[in-house]
Amino acid sequence: MDTFEVTYGEYKACEKTGKCPAANPLYQDFNRPKQAMTGVSWFDADRYCRVHGKHLPTEAEWEKAARGTDGALFPWGNAPATCQNAVIMDESGRSCGIRKRGQQPEKGRVLEVGLRAPGVYGLYDMAGNSWEWVADWYSASYAACGAACAGANPRGPCNGADRCPGAHDKLVRGGSWYWPAEYATAIYRRPHVPSNKPFHHFGFRCAASVEQASRLR
């Protein structure tokens, strides 16, 4: 699993090569090079990871990376999310009171990656900062998903096929600067259409299998 969320600067560098689709945040002040990239569709995120010899993490991979071996509710354990350990909305405002430049500064902004202490496995921002796309089609429950959600590292409905009859949404995980602590757990699941229309400020990180990682060395 990548240590950090993909940044605006990293995504734009890929875009300049012509290998990644054009994508942009719609909020002003979201274009700092080290800010988490937001505003991408699931397809944009999937393409970026593939270009870099990686893949979007499955929901199971993402959740294991966020919860660790003990199945904690947060990347740091079971203590609640606060602005000391995650970039969320609290009583000081969105993005822990950091206001964005331009119009509607009270909406806050996604922050530069890695500003909070890392959680389990040394990963940053697995809770808060930016919602992160994962690979799976959305299913409301394991029972509804059936065998495709059973076993080690399941790939979700239709085993992760490009087309999945009856499935319309992908998933984002982890909460964000815009939402309060209850969304920033390692277990909260948010479905959304992969086209990202209607638009939301979702981001992502990539993962690599052992085979993929060996090719990257």
C-alpha atoms as a PDB file:
ATOM      1  CA  MET A   1       0.000   0.000   0.000  1.00  0.00           C
ATOM      2  CA  ASP A   2       1.341   3.425  -0.862  1.00  0.00           C
ATOM      3  CA  THR A   3       2.508   5.351   2.188  1.00  0.00           C
ATOM      4  CA  PHE A   4       0.733   8.536   1.071  1.00  0.00           C
ATOM      5  CA  GLU A   5      -2.323   9.563  -0.888  1.00  0.00           C
ATOM      6  CA  VAL A   6      -1.495  10.503  -4.481  1.00  0.00           C
ATOM      7  CA  THR A   7      -0.724  14.209  -4.565  1.00  0.00           C
ATOM      8  CA  TYR A   8      -1.857  16.928  -6.928  1.00  0.00           C
ATOM      9  CA  GLY A   9       1.710  17.311  -8.184  1.00  0.00           C
ATOM     10  CA  GLU A  10       2.083  13.576  -8.840  1.00  0.00           C
ATOM     11  CA  TYR A  11      -1.191  13.335 -10.717  1.00  0.00           C
ATOM     12  CA  LYS A  12      -0.456  16.395 -12.846  1.00  0.00           C
ATOM     13  CA  ALA A  13       2.979  14.987 -13.729  1.00  0.00           C
ATOM     14  CA  CYS A  14       1.272  11.852 -15.041  1.00  0.00           C
ATOM     15  CA  GLU A  15      -1.286  13.959 -16.880  1.00  0.00           C
ATOM     16  CA  LYS A  16       1.500  15.863 -18.661  1.00  0.00           C
ATOM     17  CA  THR A  17       2.876  12.609 -20.065  1.00  0.00           C
ATOM     18  CA  GLY A  18      -0.507  11.938 -21.685  1.00  0.00           C
ATOM     19  CA  LYS A  19      -0.854   8.669 -19.797  1.00  0.00           C
ATOM     20  CA  CYS A  20      -3.406   9.923 -17.238  1.00  0.00           C
ATOM     21  CA  PRO A  21      -6.788  11.539 -17.965  1.00  0.00           C
ATOM     22  CA  ALA A  22      -7.211  15.242 -17.301  1.00  0.00           C
ATOM     23  CA  ALA A  23      -8.778  15.845 -13.893  1.00  0.00           C
ATOM     24  CA  ASN A  24      -9.034  18.804 -11.562  1.00  0.00           C
ATOM     25  CA  PRO A  25     -10.386  19.796  -8.163  1.00  0.00           C
ATOM     26  CA  LEU A  26     -13.224  22.302  -8.501  1.00  0.00           C
ATOM     27  CA  TYR A  27     -12.440  24.192  -5.317  1.00  0.00           C
ATOM     28  CA  GLN A  28      -9.932  27.016  -5.346  1.00  0.00           C
ATOM     29  CA  ASP A  29      -6.768  26.432  -3.278  1.00  0.00           C
ATOM     30  CA  PHE A  30      -6.689  22.690  -3.959  1.00  0.00           C
ATOM     31  CA  ASN A  31      -3.750  22.805  -6.365  1.00  0.00           C
ATOM     32  CA  ARG A  32      -0.748  22.804  -4.084  1.00  0.00           C
ATOM     33  CA  PRO A  33       1.784  20.199  -5.258  1.00  0.00           C
ATOM     34  CA  LYS A  34       1.780  18.184  -2.033  1.00  0.00           C
ATOM     35  CA  GLN A  35      -1.947  18.342  -1.360  1.00  0.00           C
ATOM     36  CA  ALA A  36      -3.835  15.098  -1.817  1.00  0.00           C
ATOM     37  CA  MET A  37      -5.244  15.031  -5.349  1.00  0.00           C
ATOM     38  CA  THR A  38      -9.029  15.357  -5.330  1.00  0.00           C
ATOM     39  CA  GLY A  39     -11.783  15.507  -7.905  1.00  0.00           C
ATOM     40  CA  VAL A  40     -10.820  12.365  -9.779  1.00  0.00           C
ATOM     41  CA  SER A  41     -13.279   9.762 -10.995  1.00  0.00           C
ATOM     42  CA  TRP A  42     -12.809   6.098 -10.153  1.00  0.00           C
ATOM     43  CA  PHE A  43     -11.625   5.609 -13.725  1.00  0.00           C
ATOM     44  CA  ASP A  44      -8.988   8.352 -13.357  1.00  0.00           C
ATOM     45  CA  ALA A  45      -7.699   6.773 -10.152  1.00  0.00           C
ATOM     46  CA  ASP A  46      -7.658   3.282 -11.631  1.00  0.00           C
ATOM     47  CA  ARG A  47      -5.760   4.505 -14.684  1.00  0.00           C
ATOM     48  CA  TYR A  48      -3.146   6.333 -12.620  1.00  0.00           C
ATOM     49  CA  CYS A  49      -2.406   3.239 -10.562  1.00  0.00           C
ATOM     50  CA  ARG A  50      -2.167   1.029 -13.654  1.00  0.00           C
ATOM     51  CA  VAL A  51       0.183   3.477 -15.366  1.00  0.00           C
ATOM     52  CA  HIS A  52       2.467   3.169 -12.354  1.00  0.00           C
ATOM     53  CA  GLY A  53       2.383  -0.631 -12.357  1.00  0.00           C
ATOM     54  CA  LYS A  54       0.048  -0.803  -9.369  1.00  0.00           C
ATOM     55  CA  HIS A  55      -3.675  -1.159  -8.699  1.00  0.00           C
ATOM     56  CA  LEU A  56      -6.399   0.502  -6.704  1.00  0.00           C
ATOM     57  CA  PRO A  57      -6.568  -1.420  -3.422  1.00  0.00           C
ATOM     58  CA  THR A  58      -9.452  -3.779  -2.944  1.00  0.00           C
ATOM     59  CA  GLU A  59     -11.778  -2.830  -0.133  1.00  0.00           C
ATOM     60  CA  ALA A  60     -10.321  -5.698   1.897  1.00  0.00           C
ATOM     61  CA  GLU A  61      -6.741  -4.505   1.288  1.00  0.00           C
ATOM     62  CA  TRP A  62      -7.660  -0.947   2.218  1.00  0.00           C
ATOM     63  CA  GLU A  63      -9.450  -1.964   5.407  1.00  0.00           C
ATOM     64  CA  LYS A  64      -6.638  -4.273   6.535  1.00  0.00           C
ATOM     65  CA  ALA A  65      -4.160  -1.450   5.953  1.00  0.00           C
ATOM     66  CA  ALA A  66      -6.336   0.910   8.016  1.00  0.00           C
ATOM     67  CA  ARG A  67      -7.138  -1.505  10.869  1.00  0.00           C
ATOM     68  CA  GLY A  68      -4.040  -3.642  11.300  1.00  0.00           C
ATOM     69  CA  THR A  69      -3.926  -7.150  12.720  1.00  0.00           C
ATOM     70  CA  ASP A  70      -6.067  -6.250  15.757  1.00  0.00           C
ATOM     71  CA  GLY A  71      -9.053  -4.955  13.777  1.00  0.00           C
ATOM     72  CA  ALA A  72      -8.953  -1.507  15.386  1.00  0.00           C
ATOM     73  CA  LEU A  73     -11.540   1.120  14.456  1.00  0.00           C
ATOM     74  CA  PHE A  74      -8.874   3.637  13.452  1.00  0.00           C
ATOM     75  CA  PRO A  75      -5.344   3.452  12.037  1.00  0.00           C
ATOM     76  CA  TRP A  76      -3.934   4.405  15.447  1.00  0.00           C
ATOM     77  CA  GLY A  77      -6.136   2.122  17.580  1.00  0.00           C
ATOM     78  CA  ASN A  78      -9.574   2.603  19.087  1.00  0.00           C
ATOM     79  CA  ALA A  79      -9.291   6.167  20.415  1.00  0.00           C
ATOM     80  CA  PRO A  80     -11.666   8.521  18.553  1.00  0.00           C
ATOM     81  CA  ALA A  81     -10.568  10.666  15.624  1.00  0.00           C
ATOM     82  CA  THR A  82      -9.557  14.195  16.601  1.00  0.00           C
ATOM     83  CA  CYS A  83      -7.641  16.955  14.901  1.00  0.00           C
ATOM     84  CA  GLN A  84      -4.523  15.675  16.646  1.00  0.00           C
ATOM     85  CA  ASN A  85      -4.573  12.420  14.687  1.00  0.00           C
ATOM     86  CA  ALA A  86      -6.626  13.163  11.541  1.00  0.00           C
ATOM     87  CA  VAL A  87      -7.624  15.996   9.203  1.00  0.00           C
ATOM     88  CA  ILE A  88     -11.383  16.205   9.769  1.00  0.00           C
ATOM     89  CA  MET A  89     -14.103  18.681  10.677  1.00  0.00           C
ATOM     90  CA  ASP A  90     -14.342  19.474  14.375  1.00  0.00           C
ATOM     91  CA  GLU A  91     -15.625  22.377  16.460  1.00  0.00           C
ATOM     92  CA  SER A  92     -12.932  24.620  14.954  1.00  0.00           C
ATOM     93  CA  GLY A  93     -14.308  24.006  11.462  1.00  0.00           C
ATOM     94  CA  ARG A  94     -13.541  21.935   8.398  1.00  0.00           C
ATOM     95  CA  SER A  95      -9.924  20.855   7.880  1.00  0.00           C
ATOM     96  CA  CYS A  96      -9.436  21.412  11.612  1.00  0.00           C
ATOM     97  CA  GLY A  97     -10.077  25.130  11.232  1.00  0.00           C
ATOM     98  CA  ILE A  98      -7.749  25.759   8.284  1.00  0.00           C
ATOM     99  CA  ARG A  99      -9.645  27.939   5.844  1.00  0.00           C
ATOM    100  CA  LYS A 100      -9.101  27.829   2.110  1.00  0.00           C
ATOM    101  CA  ARG A 101      -8.283  30.852   0.007  1.00  0.00           C
ATOM    102  CA  GLY A 102     -10.924  32.414  -2.203  1.00  0.00           C
ATOM    103  CA  GLN A 103     -14.661  31.980  -2.039  1.00  0.00           C
ATOM    104  CA  GLN A 104     -16.355  30.082   0.792  1.00  0.00           C
ATOM    105  CA  PRO A 105     -13.245  29.773   2.952  1.00  0.00           C
ATOM    106  CA  GLU A 106     -15.307  28.010   5.625  1.00  0.00           C
ATOM    107  CA  LYS A 107     -15.385  24.882   3.441  1.00  0.00           C
ATOM    108  CA  GLY A 108     -11.748  24.315   4.310  1.00  0.00           C
ATOM    109  CA  ARG A 109      -9.342  22.417   2.089  1.00  0.00           C
ATOM    110  CA  VAL A 110      -7.631  19.116   1.754  1.00  0.00           C
ATOM    111  CA  LEU A 111      -4.185  19.402   3.337  1.00  0.00           C
ATOM    112  CA  GLU A 112      -0.718  18.414   2.254  1.00  0.00           C
ATOM    113  CA  VAL A 113      -0.212  14.694   2.770  1.00  0.00           C
ATOM    114  CA  GLY A 114       1.538  13.350   5.851  1.00  0.00           C
ATOM    115  CA  LEU A 115       0.818  16.171   8.300  1.00  0.00           C
ATOM    116  CA  ARG A 116      -0.470  13.780  10.972  1.00  0.00           C
ATOM    117  CA  ALA A 117       1.420  10.909  12.550  1.00  0.00           C
ATOM    118  CA  PRO A 118       1.337   7.659  10.587  1.00  0.00           C
ATOM    119  CA  GLY A 119      -0.971   4.876  11.641  1.00  0.00           C
ATOM    120  CA  VAL A 120      -0.522   1.133  11.537  1.00  0.00           C
ATOM    121  CA  TYR A 121       2.021  -0.076   8.949  1.00  0.00           C
ATOM    122  CA  GLY A 122       3.447   3.461   8.756  1.00  0.00           C
ATOM    123  CA  LEU A 123       0.702   4.732   6.433  1.00  0.00           C
ATOM    124  CA  TYR A 124      -0.401   8.372   6.503  1.00  0.00           C
ATOM    125  CA  ASP A 125      -3.911   9.834   6.221  1.00  0.00           C
ATOM    126  CA  MET A 126      -5.789   6.536   6.165  1.00  0.00           C
ATOM    127  CA  ALA A 127      -8.348   8.438   8.249  1.00  0.00           C
ATOM    128  CA  GLY A 128      -9.369  11.922   7.179  1.00  0.00           C
ATOM    129  CA  ASN A 129      -7.843  14.369   4.703  1.00  0.00           C
ATOM    130  CA  SER A 130      -9.306  12.847   1.499  1.00  0.00           C
ATOM    131  CA  TRP A 131     -11.834  10.117   0.784  1.00  0.00           C
ATOM    132  CA  GLU A 132     -10.048   7.338  -1.122  1.00  0.00           C
ATOM    133  CA  TRP A 133     -11.421   5.273  -3.994  1.00  0.00           C
ATOM    134  CA  VAL A 134     -11.081   1.496  -3.707  1.00  0.00           C
ATOM    135  CA  ALA A 135     -11.419  -1.084  -6.465  1.00  0.00           C
ATOM    136  CA  ASP A 136     -14.621  -2.912  -5.524  1.00  0.00           C
ATOM    137  CA  TRP A 137     -18.155  -2.494  -6.734  1.00  0.00           C
ATOM    138  CA  TYR A 138     -20.431  -1.663  -3.816  1.00  0.00           C
ATOM    139  CA  SER A 139     -22.497  -4.318  -2.087  1.00  0.00           C
ATOM    140  CA  ALA A 140     -24.609  -3.439   0.940  1.00  0.00           C
ATOM    141  CA  SER A 141     -23.438  -6.469   2.928  1.00  0.00           C
ATOM    142  CA  TYR A 142     -21.346  -9.630   2.806  1.00  0.00           C
ATOM    143  CA  ALA A 143     -24.566 -11.628   2.582  1.00  0.00           C
ATOM    144  CA  ALA A 144     -25.721  -9.689  -0.469  1.00  0.00           C
ATOM    145  CA  CYS A 145     -22.299 -10.078  -2.076  1.00  0.00           C
ATOM    146  CA  GLY A 146     -22.040 -13.821  -1.457  1.00  0.00           C
ATOM    147  CA  ALA A 147     -19.000 -15.898  -2.392  1.00  0.00           C
ATOM    148  CA  ALA A 148     -17.252 -12.979  -4.113  1.00  0.00           C
ATOM    149  CA  CYS A 149     -16.829 -11.336  -0.692  1.00  0.00           C
ATOM    150  CA  ALA A 150     -15.591 -14.481   1.072  1.00  0.00           C
ATOM    151  CA  GLY A 151     -12.074 -15.719   1.753  1.00  0.00           C
ATOM    152  CA  ALA A 152      -8.752 -13.892   1.865  1.00  0.00           C
ATOM    153  CA  ASN A 153      -8.677 -10.580  -0.002  1.00  0.00           C
ATOM    154  CA  PRO A 154     -12.007 -10.869  -1.832  1.00  0.00           C
ATOM    155  CA  ARG A 155     -12.484  -8.628  -4.850  1.00  0.00           C
ATOM    156  CA  GLY A 156     -16.144  -7.858  -4.191  1.00  0.00           C
ATOM    157  CA  PRO A 157     -19.160  -8.209  -6.471  1.00  0.00           C
ATOM    158  CA  CYS A 158     -18.415  -9.888  -9.809  1.00  0.00           C
ATOM    159  CA  ASN A 159     -14.875 -10.535  -8.514  1.00  0.00           C
ATOM    160  CA  GLY A 160     -13.888  -7.035  -9.565  1.00  0.00           C
ATOM    161  CA  ALA A 161     -14.849  -7.421 -13.245  1.00  0.00           C
ATOM    162  CA  ASP A 162     -15.023  -4.238 -15.322  1.00  0.00           C
ATOM    163  CA  ARG A 163     -18.763  -4.715 -15.748  1.00  0.00           C
ATOM    164  CA  CYS A 164     -20.999  -5.996 -12.979  1.00  0.00           C
ATOM    165  CA  PRO A 165     -24.735  -6.427 -13.721  1.00  0.00           C
ATOM    166  CA  GLY A 166     -26.831  -4.849 -10.993  1.00  0.00           C
ATOM    167  CA  ALA A 167     -23.906  -2.927  -9.479  1.00  0.00           C
ATOM    168  CA  HIS A 168     -23.795   0.813 -10.071  1.00  0.00           C
ATOM    169  CA  ASP A 169     -21.494   2.281  -7.412  1.00  0.00           C
ATOM    170  CA  LYS A 170     -17.879   1.968  -6.389  1.00  0.00           C
ATOM    171  CA  LEU A 171     -16.648   2.865  -2.895  1.00  0.00           C
ATOM    172  CA  VAL A 172     -14.613   5.500  -1.124  1.00  0.00           C
ATOM    173  CA  ARG A 173     -13.171   4.990   2.321  1.00  0.00           C
ATOM    174  CA  GLY A 174     -11.538   6.932   5.148  1.00  0.00           C
ATOM    175  CA  GLY A 175     -13.469  10.184   5.595  1.00  0.00           C
ATOM    176  CA  SER A 176     -12.119  13.627   4.766  1.00  0.00           C
ATOM    177  CA  TRP A 177     -11.329  17.160   5.853  1.00  0.00           C
ATOM    178  CA  TYR A 178     -14.973  18.086   5.101  1.00  0.00           C
ATOM    179  CA  TRP A 179     -16.732  15.573   7.377  1.00  0.00           C
ATOM    180  CA  PRO A 180     -16.730  14.944  11.136  1.00  0.00           C
ATOM    181  CA  ALA A 181     -14.992  12.187  13.053  1.00  0.00           C
ATOM    182  CA  GLU A 182     -17.647   9.505  12.665  1.00  0.00           C
ATOM    183  CA  TYR A 183     -16.837   9.212   8.950  1.00  0.00           C
ATOM    184  CA  ALA A 184     -13.079   8.871   9.517  1.00  0.00           C
ATOM    185  CA  THR A 185     -13.173   5.316  10.837  1.00  0.00           C
ATOM    186  CA  ALA A 186     -11.572   2.297   9.213  1.00  0.00           C
ATOM    187  CA  ILE A 187     -15.004   0.718   8.718  1.00  0.00           C
ATOM    188  CA  TYR A 188     -17.233   3.463   7.270  1.00  0.00           C
ATOM    189  CA  ARG A 189     -18.183   2.748   3.650  1.00  0.00           C
ATOM    190  CA  ARG A 190     -19.455   5.391   1.212  1.00  0.00           C
ATOM    191  CA  PRO A 191     -20.794   4.346  -2.220  1.00  0.00           C
ATOM    192  CA  HIS A 192     -20.674   6.657  -5.225  1.00  0.00           C
ATOM    193  CA  VAL A 193     -20.934   6.379  -9.000  1.00  0.00           C
ATOM    194  CA  PRO A 194     -17.506   5.709 -10.566  1.00  0.00           C
ATOM    195  CA  SER A 195     -17.913   8.593 -13.033  1.00  0.00           C
ATOM    196  CA  ASN A 196     -17.906  10.946 -10.025  1.00  0.00           C
ATOM    197  CA  LYS A 197     -20.957  12.720 -11.451  1.00  0.00           C
ATOM    198  CA  PRO A 198     -22.359  14.326  -9.328  1.00  0.00           C
ATOM    199  CA  PHE A 199     -18.896  15.607  -8.502  1.00  0.00           C
ATOM    200  CA  HIS A 200     -17.171  15.086  -5.168  1.00  0.00           C
ATOM    201  CA  HIS A 201     -13.648  15.782  -3.989  1.00  0.00           C
ATOM    202  CA  PHE A 202     -12.454  12.182  -3.765  1.00  0.00           C
ATOM    203  CA  GLY A 203      -8.829  11.098  -3.874  1.00  0.00           C
ATOM    204  CA  PHE A 204      -6.976   7.795  -3.801  1.00  0.00           C
ATOM    205  CA  ARG A 205      -3.794   5.873  -3.131  1.00  0.00           C
ATOM    206  CA  CYS A 206      -2.407   2.850  -4.957  1.00  0.00           C
ATOM    207  CA  ALA A 207      -1.321  -0.597  -3.858  1.00  0.00           C
ATOM    208  CA  ALA A 208       0.931  -3.259  -5.357  1.00  0.00           C
ATOM    209  CA  SER A 209       0.874  -7.026  -5.169  1.00  0.00           C
ATOM    210  CA  VAL A 210       4.112  -8.896  -4.496  1.00  0.00           C
ATOM    211  CA  GLU A 211       4.392  -9.549  -8.226  1.00  0.00           C
ATOM    212  CA  GLN A 212       3.737  -5.914  -9.117  1.00  0.00           C
ATOM    213  CA  ALA A 213       6.199  -4.727  -6.464  1.00  0.00           C
ATOM    214  CA  SER A 214       8.933  -7.001  -7.828  1.00  0.00           C
ATOM    215  CA  ARG A 215       8.505  -5.436 -11.280  1.00  0.00           C
ATOM    216  CA  LEU A 216       8.808  -1.952  -9.798  1.00  0.00           C
ATOM    217  CA  ARG A 217      12.213  -2.625  -8.254  1.00  0.00           C
END
